[in-house]
C-alpha atoms as a PDB file:
ATOM      1  CA  MET A   1     -16.003   5.820   4.940  1.00  0.00           C
ATOM      2  CA  GLU A   2     -17.944   3.424   7.168  1.00  0.00           C
ATOM      3  CA  PHE A   3     -16.431   0.748   9.301  1.00  0.00           C
ATOM      4  CA  ALA A   4     -18.140  -2.722   9.069  1.00  0.00           C
ATOM      5  CA  LYS A   5     -20.779  -3.177  11.998  1.00  0.00           C
ATOM      6  CA  GLY A   6     -19.398  -3.564  15.145  1.00  0.00           C
ATOM      7  CA  SER A   7     -15.739  -2.047  14.257  1.00  0.00           C
ATOM      8  CA  VAL A   8     -16.266   0.986  15.964  1.00  0.00           C
ATOM      9  CA  ALA A   9     -18.129   0.912  19.543  1.00  0.00           C
ATOM     10  CA  SER A  10     -19.129   3.538  22.229  1.00  0.00           C
ATOM     11  CA  PRO A  11     -18.757   6.171  23.011  1.00  0.00           C
ATOM     12  CA  GLU A  12     -20.470   7.210  19.707  1.00  0.00           C
ATOM     13  CA  GLY A  13     -18.869  10.546  19.985  1.00  0.00           C
ATOM     14  CA  ASP A  14     -15.392   9.075  19.410  1.00  0.00           C
ATOM     15  CA  ALA A  15     -16.430   7.101  16.372  1.00  0.00           C
ATOM     16  CA  PRO A  16     -15.419   9.802  13.699  1.00  0.00           C
ATOM     17  CA  THR A  17     -12.072  10.519  15.350  1.00  0.00           C
ATOM     18  CA  ARG A  18     -11.425   6.637  15.830  1.00  0.00           C
ATOM     19  CA  ALA A  19     -12.163   6.219  11.918  1.00  0.00           C
ATOM     20  CA  ARG A  20      -9.801   9.111  11.024  1.00  0.00           C
ATOM     21  CA  VAL A  21      -7.207   7.206  13.149  1.00  0.00           C
ATOM     22  CA  ALA A  22      -7.493   4.249  11.074  1.00  0.00           C
ATOM     23  CA  ARG A  23      -7.774   5.996   7.876  1.00  0.00           C
ATOM     24  CA  THR A  24      -4.582   7.689   8.617  1.00  0.00           C
ATOM     25  CA  ILE A  25      -2.710   4.393   9.246  1.00  0.00           C
ATOM     26  CA  LEU A  26      -4.411   3.170   5.978  1.00  0.00           C
ATOM     27  CA  GLU A  27      -3.115   6.121   3.969  1.00  0.00           C
ATOM     28  CA  ASN A  28       0.373   6.492   5.736  1.00  0.00           C
ATOM     29  CA  GLY A  29       1.284   2.897   6.820  1.00  0.00           C
ATOM     30  CA  PRO A  30       2.395   1.600  10.123  1.00  0.00           C
ATOM     31  CA  SER A  31       2.499   4.714  12.435  1.00  0.00           C
ATOM     32  CA  THR A  32       3.582   5.477  16.108  1.00  0.00           C
ATOM     33  CA  ALA A  33       1.135   7.305  18.440  1.00  0.00           C
ATOM     34  CA  ALA A  34       3.394  10.262  18.053  1.00  0.00           C
ATOM     35  CA  ASP A  35       2.969  10.428  14.296  1.00  0.00           C
ATOM     36  CA  LEU A  36      -0.765   9.949  14.617  1.00  0.00           C
ATOM     37  CA  GLY A  37      -0.937  12.698  17.155  1.00  0.00           C
ATOM     38  CA  ARG A  38       0.939  15.132  14.937  1.00  0.00           C
ATOM     39  CA  GLU A  39      -1.101  14.143  11.782  1.00  0.00           C
ATOM     40  CA  LEU A  40      -4.417  14.531  13.535  1.00  0.00           C
ATOM     41  CA  ASP A  41      -3.498  17.362  15.938  1.00  0.00           C
ATOM     42  CA  LEU A  42      -4.514  14.879  19.024  1.00  0.00           C
ATOM     43  CA  THR A  43      -3.039  14.837  22.562  1.00  0.00           C
ATOM     44  CA  PRO A  44      -1.147  11.743  23.295  1.00  0.00           C
ATOM     45  CA  ALA A  45      -3.815  10.710  25.783  1.00  0.00           C
ATOM     46  CA  ALA A  46      -6.521  10.937  22.986  1.00  0.00           C
ATOM     47  CA  VAL A  47      -4.307   8.795  20.577  1.00  0.00           C
ATOM     48  CA  ARG A  48      -3.747   6.272  23.164  1.00  0.00           C
ATOM     49  CA  ARG A  49      -7.351   5.895  24.098  1.00  0.00           C
ATOM     50  CA  HIS A  50      -8.414   5.631  20.242  1.00  0.00           C
ATOM     51  CA  LEU A  51      -5.559   3.183  19.520  1.00  0.00           C
ATOM     52  CA  ASP A  52      -6.322   1.017  22.537  1.00  0.00           C
ATOM     53  CA  HIS A  53      -9.884   0.639  21.300  1.00  0.00           C
ATOM     54  CA  LEU A  54      -8.831   0.011  17.812  1.00  0.00           C
ATOM     55  CA  VAL A  55      -6.422  -2.846  18.939  1.00  0.00           C
ATOM     56  CA  GLU A  56      -9.145  -4.177  21.306  1.00  0.00           C
ATOM     57  CA  ASP A  57     -11.807  -4.729  18.359  1.00  0.00           C
ATOM     58  CA  GLY A  58      -8.986  -5.986  16.131  1.00  0.00           C
ATOM     59  CA  THR A  59      -8.923  -3.151  13.554  1.00  0.00           C
ATOM     60  CA  VAL A  60      -5.156  -2.554  14.317  1.00  0.00           C
ATOM     61  CA  GLU A  61      -2.195  -4.391  15.999  1.00  0.00           C
ATOM     62  CA  ALA A  62       0.881  -3.063  17.577  1.00  0.00           C
ATOM     63  CA  GLY A  63       4.465  -4.239  17.084  1.00  0.00           C
ATOM     64  CA  GLU A  64       8.090  -2.677  17.440  1.00  0.00           C
ATOM     65  CA  GLN A  65       9.201  -0.008  15.175  1.00  0.00           C
ATOM     66  CA  ARG A  66      11.911  -1.265  12.887  1.00  0.00           C
ATOM     67  CA  VAL A  67      15.289   0.829  13.501  1.00  0.00           C
ATOM     68  CA  TYR A  68      17.905   0.890  10.843  1.00  0.00           C
ATOM     69  CA  GLY A  69      21.667   1.533  11.581  1.00  0.00           C
ATOM     70  CA  HIS A  70      22.557   2.449  15.305  1.00  0.00           C
ATOM     71  CA  ARG A  71      19.717   1.942  17.737  1.00  0.00           C
ATOM     72  CA  GLY A  72      20.001   4.265  20.840  1.00  0.00           C
ATOM     73  CA  ARG A  73      18.972   3.378  24.320  1.00  0.00           C
ATOM     74  CA  GLY A  74      15.486   2.674  25.404  1.00  0.00           C
ATOM     75  CA  ARG A  75      12.906   0.540  24.055  1.00  0.00           C
ATOM     76  CA  PRO A  76      11.816   1.016  20.295  1.00  0.00           C
ATOM     77  CA  ALA A  77       8.689   2.960  19.888  1.00  0.00           C
ATOM     78  CA  ARG A  78       5.392   0.919  19.103  1.00  0.00           C
ATOM     79  CA  VAL A  79       3.975   1.141  15.690  1.00  0.00           C
ATOM     80  CA  PHE A  80       0.343   0.313  14.774  1.00  0.00           C
ATOM     81  CA  ARG A  81      -0.830  -1.323  11.539  1.00  0.00           C
ATOM     82  CA  LEU A  82      -4.000  -2.225   9.956  1.00  0.00           C
ATOM     83  CA  THR A  83      -5.002  -6.106  10.486  1.00  0.00           C
ATOM     84  CA  GLU A  84      -6.771  -7.882   7.817  1.00  0.00           C
ATOM     85  CA  THR A  85     -10.057  -7.202   9.631  1.00  0.00           C
ATOM     86  CA  GLY A  86      -9.235  -3.540   9.655  1.00  0.00           C
ATOM     87  CA  ARG A  87      -8.593  -3.490   5.941  1.00  0.00           C
ATOM     88  CA  ASP A  88     -11.806  -5.168   5.534  1.00  0.00           C
ATOM     89  CA  SER A  89     -13.732  -2.118   7.173  1.00  0.00           C
ATOM     90  CA  PHE A  90     -12.762  -0.242   4.281  1.00  0.00           C
ATOM     91  CA  GLU A  91     -14.363  -0.218   0.789  1.00  0.00           C
ATOM     92  CA  GLN A  92     -13.233  -3.258  -1.230  1.00  0.00           C
ATOM     93  CA  GLN A  93     -13.825  -2.738  -5.112  1.00  0.00           C
ATOM     94  CA  TYR A  94     -14.075  -6.324  -5.598  1.00  0.00           C
ATOM     95  CA  ASP A  95     -15.854  -9.007  -3.691  1.00  0.00           C
ATOM     96  CA  ASP A  96     -16.841 -12.688  -3.838  1.00  0.00           C
ATOM     97  CA  LEU A  97     -18.872 -11.946  -7.029  1.00  0.00           C
ATOM     98  CA  ALA A  98     -15.794 -10.648  -8.714  1.00  0.00           C
ATOM     99  CA  ALA A  99     -13.722 -13.712  -7.692  1.00  0.00           C
ATOM    100  CA  GLU A 100     -16.623 -16.079  -8.959  1.00  0.00           C
ATOM    101  CA  ALA A 101     -16.614 -14.108 -12.381  1.00  0.00           C
ATOM    102  CA  LEU A 102     -12.771 -14.602 -12.747  1.00  0.00           C
ATOM    103  CA  ARG A 103     -12.920 -18.377 -11.839  1.00  0.00           C
ATOM    104  CA  PHE A 104     -15.420 -18.492 -14.545  1.00  0.00           C
ATOM    105  CA  LEU A 105     -13.369 -16.886 -16.963  1.00  0.00           C
ATOM    106  CA  ARG A 106     -10.463 -18.866 -16.304  1.00  0.00           C
ATOM    107  CA  GLU A 107     -12.508 -22.278 -16.563  1.00  0.00           C
ATOM    108  CA  THR A 108     -13.981 -21.182 -19.784  1.00  0.00           C
ATOM    109  CA  GLN A 109     -11.151 -19.164 -21.474  1.00  0.00           C
ATOM    110  CA  GLY A 110      -7.864 -20.142 -19.829  1.00  0.00           C
ATOM    111  CA  GLU A 111      -5.375 -18.309 -17.737  1.00  0.00           C
ATOM    112  CA  GLU A 112      -4.566 -16.065 -20.562  1.00  0.00           C
ATOM    113  CA  ALA A 113      -8.030 -14.575 -20.506  1.00  0.00           C
ATOM    114  CA  VAL A 114      -7.570 -13.813 -16.604  1.00  0.00           C
ATOM    115  CA  MET A 115      -4.207 -11.967 -17.593  1.00  0.00           C
ATOM    116  CA  ALA A 116      -5.844  -9.992 -20.585  1.00  0.00           C
ATOM    117  CA  PHE A 117      -8.677  -8.892 -17.970  1.00  0.00           C
ATOM    118  CA  ALA A 118      -5.877  -7.876 -15.558  1.00  0.00           C
ATOM    119  CA  ARG A 119      -4.082  -5.941 -17.988  1.00  0.00           C
ATOM    120  CA  ARG A 120      -7.329  -4.241 -19.075  1.00  0.00           C
ATOM    121  CA  ARG A 121      -8.199  -3.290 -15.516  1.00  0.00           C
ATOM    122  CA  VAL A 122      -4.795  -1.374 -14.925  1.00  0.00           C
ATOM    123  CA  ALA A 123      -4.830   0.352 -18.118  1.00  0.00           C
ATOM    124  CA  PHE A 124      -5.724   3.657 -16.346  1.00  0.00           C
ATOM    125  CA  ILE A 125      -2.012   3.541 -15.235  1.00  0.00           C
ATOM    126  CA  GLU A 126      -0.791   4.322 -18.602  1.00  0.00           C
ATOM    127  CA  ARG A 127      -3.546   6.790 -19.582  1.00  0.00           C
ATOM    128  CA  ASP A 128      -3.478   8.731 -16.253  1.00  0.00           C
ATOM    129  CA  TYR A 129       0.283   8.731 -16.033  1.00  0.00           C
ATOM    130  CA  ALA A 130       0.713  10.803 -19.176  1.00  0.00           C
ATOM    131  CA  ALA A 131      -1.856  13.327 -18.144  1.00  0.00           C
ATOM    132  CA  VAL A 132      -0.466  13.763 -14.616  1.00  0.00           C
ATOM    133  CA  CYS A 133       3.137  14.132 -16.175  1.00  0.00           C
ATOM    134  CA  ALA A 134       1.802  16.784 -18.538  1.00  0.00           C
ATOM    135  CA  ALA A 135      -0.030  18.627 -15.618  1.00  0.00           C
ATOM    136  CA  ARG A 136       2.474  18.455 -13.071  1.00  0.00           C
ATOM    137  CA  PRO A 137       5.974  18.710 -14.450  1.00  0.00           C
ATOM    138  CA  ASP A 138       7.382  19.307 -11.111  1.00  0.00           C
ATOM    139  CA  LEU A 139       6.850  15.817  -9.960  1.00  0.00           C
ATOM    140  CA  THR A 140       9.340  13.070 -10.500  1.00  0.00           C
ATOM    141  CA  PRO A 141       8.242  10.028 -12.564  1.00  0.00           C
ATOM    142  CA  ALA A 142       7.853   7.991  -9.384  1.00  0.00           C
ATOM    143  CA  GLU A 143       5.779  10.745  -7.757  1.00  0.00           C
ATOM    144  CA  ALA A 144       3.440  11.038 -10.810  1.00  0.00           C
ATOM    145  CA  LEU A 145       3.061   7.360 -10.676  1.00  0.00           C
ATOM    146  CA  ALA A 146       2.043   7.478  -7.058  1.00  0.00           C
ATOM    147  CA  THR A 147      -0.401  10.299  -7.721  1.00  0.00           C
ATOM    148  CA  VAL A 148      -2.185   8.193 -10.415  1.00  0.00           C
ATOM    149  CA  LEU A 149      -2.238   4.988  -8.092  1.00  0.00           C
ATOM    150  CA  THR A 150      -3.549   7.168  -5.157  1.00  0.00           C
ATOM    151  CA  ALA A 151      -6.294   8.286  -7.232  1.00  0.00           C
ATOM    152  CA  GLY A 152      -7.259   4.746  -8.162  1.00  0.00           C
ATOM    153  CA  GLY A 153      -7.475   3.847  -4.358  1.00  0.00           C
ATOM    154  CA  TYR A 154      -4.131   2.649  -3.687  1.00  0.00           C
ATOM    155  CA  ALA A 155      -2.951   5.236  -1.098  1.00  0.00           C
ATOM    156  CA  ALA A 156       0.647   5.365  -2.819  1.00  0.00           C
ATOM    157  CA  SER A 157       3.664   7.339  -1.718  1.00  0.00           C
ATOM    158  CA  VAL A 158       7.419   7.325  -2.688  1.00  0.00           C
ATOM    159  CA  ARG A 159      10.490   6.717  -0.552  1.00  0.00           C
ATOM    160  CA  SER A 160      13.871   7.589  -1.752  1.00  0.00           C
ATOM    161  CA  LEU A 161      16.664   4.987  -1.521  1.00  0.00           C
ATOM    162  CA  PRO A 162      20.413   4.997  -2.293  1.00  0.00           C
ATOM    163  CA  ILE A 163      19.563   2.899  -5.614  1.00  0.00           C
ATOM    164  CA  GLY A 164      16.553   4.687  -6.539  1.00  0.00           C
ATOM    165  CA  ASP A 165      12.846   4.792  -5.308  1.00  0.00           C
ATOM    166  CA  GLN A 166      10.709   2.781  -3.476  1.00  0.00           C
ATOM    167  CA  LEU A 167       7.050   2.721  -4.448  1.00  0.00           C
ATOM    168  CA  CYS A 168       4.700   2.046  -1.410  1.00  0.00           C
ATOM    169  CA  GLN A 169       1.025   1.139  -1.740  1.00  0.00           C
ATOM    170  CA  GLN A 170      -0.752   1.337   1.678  1.00  0.00           C
ATOM    171  CA  HIS A 171      -4.072  -0.035   0.403  1.00  0.00           C
ATOM    172  CA  CYS A 172      -4.929  -2.210  -2.168  1.00  0.00           C
ATOM    173  CA  PRO A 173      -8.614  -2.227  -3.406  1.00  0.00           C
ATOM    174  CA  VAL A 174      -8.483  -5.557  -4.903  1.00  0.00           C
ATOM    175  CA  SER A 175      -6.262  -7.712  -2.515  1.00  0.00           C
ATOM    176  CA  HIS A 176      -8.849 -10.164  -1.741  1.00  0.00           C
ATOM    177  CA  VAL A 177      -9.340 -11.196  -5.214  1.00  0.00           C
ATOM    178  CA  ALA A 178      -5.489 -10.789  -5.995  1.00  0.00           C
ATOM    179  CA  HIS A 179      -4.655 -13.357  -3.545  1.00  0.00           C
ATOM    180  CA  GLU A 180      -6.291 -15.937  -5.730  1.00  0.00           C
ATOM    181  CA  PHE A 181      -5.323 -14.264  -8.903  1.00  0.00           C
ATOM    182  CA  PRO A 182      -1.844 -13.075  -8.780  1.00  0.00           C
ATOM    183  CA  GLN A 183      -2.402 -12.053 -12.373  1.00  0.00           C
ATOM    184  CA  LEU A 184      -3.575  -8.511 -10.903  1.00  0.00           C
ATOM    185  CA  CYS A 185      -0.637  -8.060  -9.212  1.00  0.00           C
ATOM    186  CA  ASP A 186       1.418  -9.120 -12.085  1.00  0.00           C
ATOM    187  CA  ALA A 187      -0.306  -6.895 -14.599  1.00  0.00           C
ATOM    188  CA  GLU A 188      -0.121  -3.713 -12.160  1.00  0.00           C
ATOM    189  CA  THR A 189       4.022  -4.420 -11.901  1.00  0.00           C
ATOM    190  CA  GLU A 190       4.036  -4.819 -15.681  1.00  0.00           C
ATOM    191  CA  ALA A 191       2.240  -1.596 -16.295  1.00  0.00           C
ATOM    192  CA  ILE A 192       4.408   0.331 -13.692  1.00  0.00           C
ATOM    193  CA  GLY A 193       7.442  -0.849 -15.432  1.00  0.00           C
ATOM    194  CA  GLN A 194       6.162   0.339 -18.845  1.00  0.00           C
ATOM    195  CA  VAL A 195       5.125   3.883 -17.920  1.00  0.00           C
ATOM    196  CA  LEU A 196       8.570   4.264 -16.261  1.00  0.00           C
ATOM    197  CA  GLY A 197      10.446   2.654 -19.132  1.00  0.00           C
ATOM    198  CA  ARG A 198      12.608   0.486 -16.913  1.00  0.00           C
ATOM    199  CA  HIS A 199      12.620  -2.706 -14.939  1.00  0.00           C
ATOM    200  CA  VAL A 200      11.072  -2.579 -11.508  1.00  0.00           C
ATOM    201  CA  GLN A 201      10.881  -5.237  -8.883  1.00  0.00           C
ATOM    202  CA  ARG A 202       7.857  -6.257  -6.686  1.00  0.00           C
ATOM    203  CA  LEU A 203       9.169  -7.123  -3.206  1.00  0.00           C
ATOM    204  CA  ALA A 204       5.764  -7.312  -1.388  1.00  0.00           C
ATOM    205  CA  THR A 205       2.018  -7.369  -1.638  1.00  0.00           C
ATOM    206  CA  ILE A 206      -1.013  -6.968   0.571  1.00  0.00           C
ATOM    207  CA  ALA A 207      -2.580  -9.627  -1.524  1.00  0.00           C
ATOM    208  CA  HIS A 208       0.194 -12.160   0.065  1.00  0.00           C
ATOM    209  CA  GLY A 209       0.093 -11.013   3.650  1.00  0.00           C
ATOM    210  CA  ASP A 210       2.476  -8.020   3.663  1.00  0.00           C
ATOM    211  CA  GLY A 211       1.771  -4.928   5.130  1.00  0.00           C
ATOM    212  CA  VAL A 212       2.242  -2.750   2.384  1.00  0.00           C
ATOM    213  CA  CYS A 213       2.692  -3.432  -1.355  1.00  0.00           C
ATOM    214  CA  THR A 214       6.315  -2.195  -2.308  1.00  0.00           C
ATOM    215  CA  THR A 215       8.092  -2.022  -5.664  1.00  0.00           C
ATOM    216  CA  CYS A 216      11.632  -1.114  -6.075  1.00  0.00           C
ATOM    217  CA  ILE A 217      12.199   1.609  -8.958  1.00  0.00           C
ATOM    218  CA  PRO A 218      15.956   1.678  -9.556  1.00  0.00           C
ATOM    219  CA  ASP A 219      17.621   4.614 -10.998  1.00  0.00           C
ATOM    220  CA  PRO A 220      18.272   4.382 -14.784  1.00  0.00           C
ATOM    221  CA  VAL A 221      21.934   4.437 -14.061  1.00  0.00           C
ATOM    222  CA  ALA A 222      21.793   1.689 -11.697  1.00  0.00           C
ATOM    223  CA  THR A 223      19.764  -0.307 -14.145  1.00  0.00           C
ATOM    224  CA  VAL A 224      22.278   0.012 -16.793  1.00  0.00           C
ATOM    225  CA  ALA A 225      25.107  -0.697 -14.455  1.00  0.00           C
ATOM    226  CA  ALA A 226      23.189  -3.850 -13.558  1.00  0.00           C
ATOM    227  CA  GLY A 227      22.635  -4.941 -17.234  1.00  0.00           C
ATOM    228  CA  ASP A 228      18.876  -4.331 -16.620  1.00  0.00           C
ATOM    229  CA  SER A 229      18.901  -7.486 -14.457  1.00  0.00           C
ATOM    230  CA  THR A 230      17.190  -7.348 -10.965  1.00  0.00           C
ATOM    231  CA  PRO A 231      18.229  -4.473  -8.866  1.00  0.00           C
ATOM    232  CA  GLY A 232      21.288  -4.605  -6.516  1.00  0.00           C
ATOM    233  CA  PRO A 233      21.167  -5.320  -2.807  1.00  0.00           C
ATOM    234  CA  THR A 234      18.048  -4.260  -1.087  1.00  0.00           C
ATOM    235  CA  ASP A 235      19.125  -4.265   2.338  1.00  0.00           C
ATOM    236  CA  ASP A 236      17.719  -0.733   2.947  1.00  0.00           C
ATOM    237  CA  ILE A 237      14.228  -1.570   1.308  1.00  0.00           C
ATOM    238  CA  GLU A 238      11.379  -2.489   3.499  1.00  0.00           C
ATOM    239  CA  LYS A 239       8.922  -4.912   2.465  1.00  0.00           C
ATOM    240  CA  ASP A 240       6.321  -4.253   4.992  1.00  0.00           C
ATOM    241  CA  GLY A 241       6.216  -0.470   5.004  1.00  0.00           C
ATOM    242  CA  ALA A 242       7.284  -0.148   8.762  1.00  0.00           C
ATOM    243  CA  SER A 243       8.601   3.320   8.286  1.00  0.00           C
ATOM    244  CA  SER A 244       7.777   4.346   4.763  1.00  0.00           C
END
């Protein structure tokens, strides 16, 4: 992985570790310095030095950690998340050329043609989901789906909730294009619901400025109880992945 020119500065010897710090935040979502130290086996001083540099060059930004339930004494820990500039530093599968091609498709064939393209693009979800389920019967359906999406470049993980699961996608390889063409997000959500065989609810997307793409996957029992309508209260569901 290479950062855009100028995104990692001197000392040059720190560049690989700094890139690992940014990559870890990309894959795991907003993280505290302590989280990063444990994940990368770095001392607190080293983590702070790298984070200070990444904040300075605009790759990451710091904010307060969300606390659900009772908050103890003391200031909340700071969490670090990638900025839009930081995301730009990672490989994007689609660029301005792709957006131009989709504009042409929309102008000449209409919105339905764009949606048809979006559905074809995410056909890998259904195809690979079946293969992962067969090869890894130990995984839950949501975990199998996260495995498929991670292989597709989405850095996905699953968080258990009282009403079911929350699928968190820390990275979107098509976020820039999806900002203009939401059909890409719609087709992805549609495919997720189809492979899981239930209604799912997209709560947030990177393409529209959220820190993480999040999708609520209710338990089948909860879905039936709700009449297969929108899932129940989502008070415990995070939209920006602050502690996914």
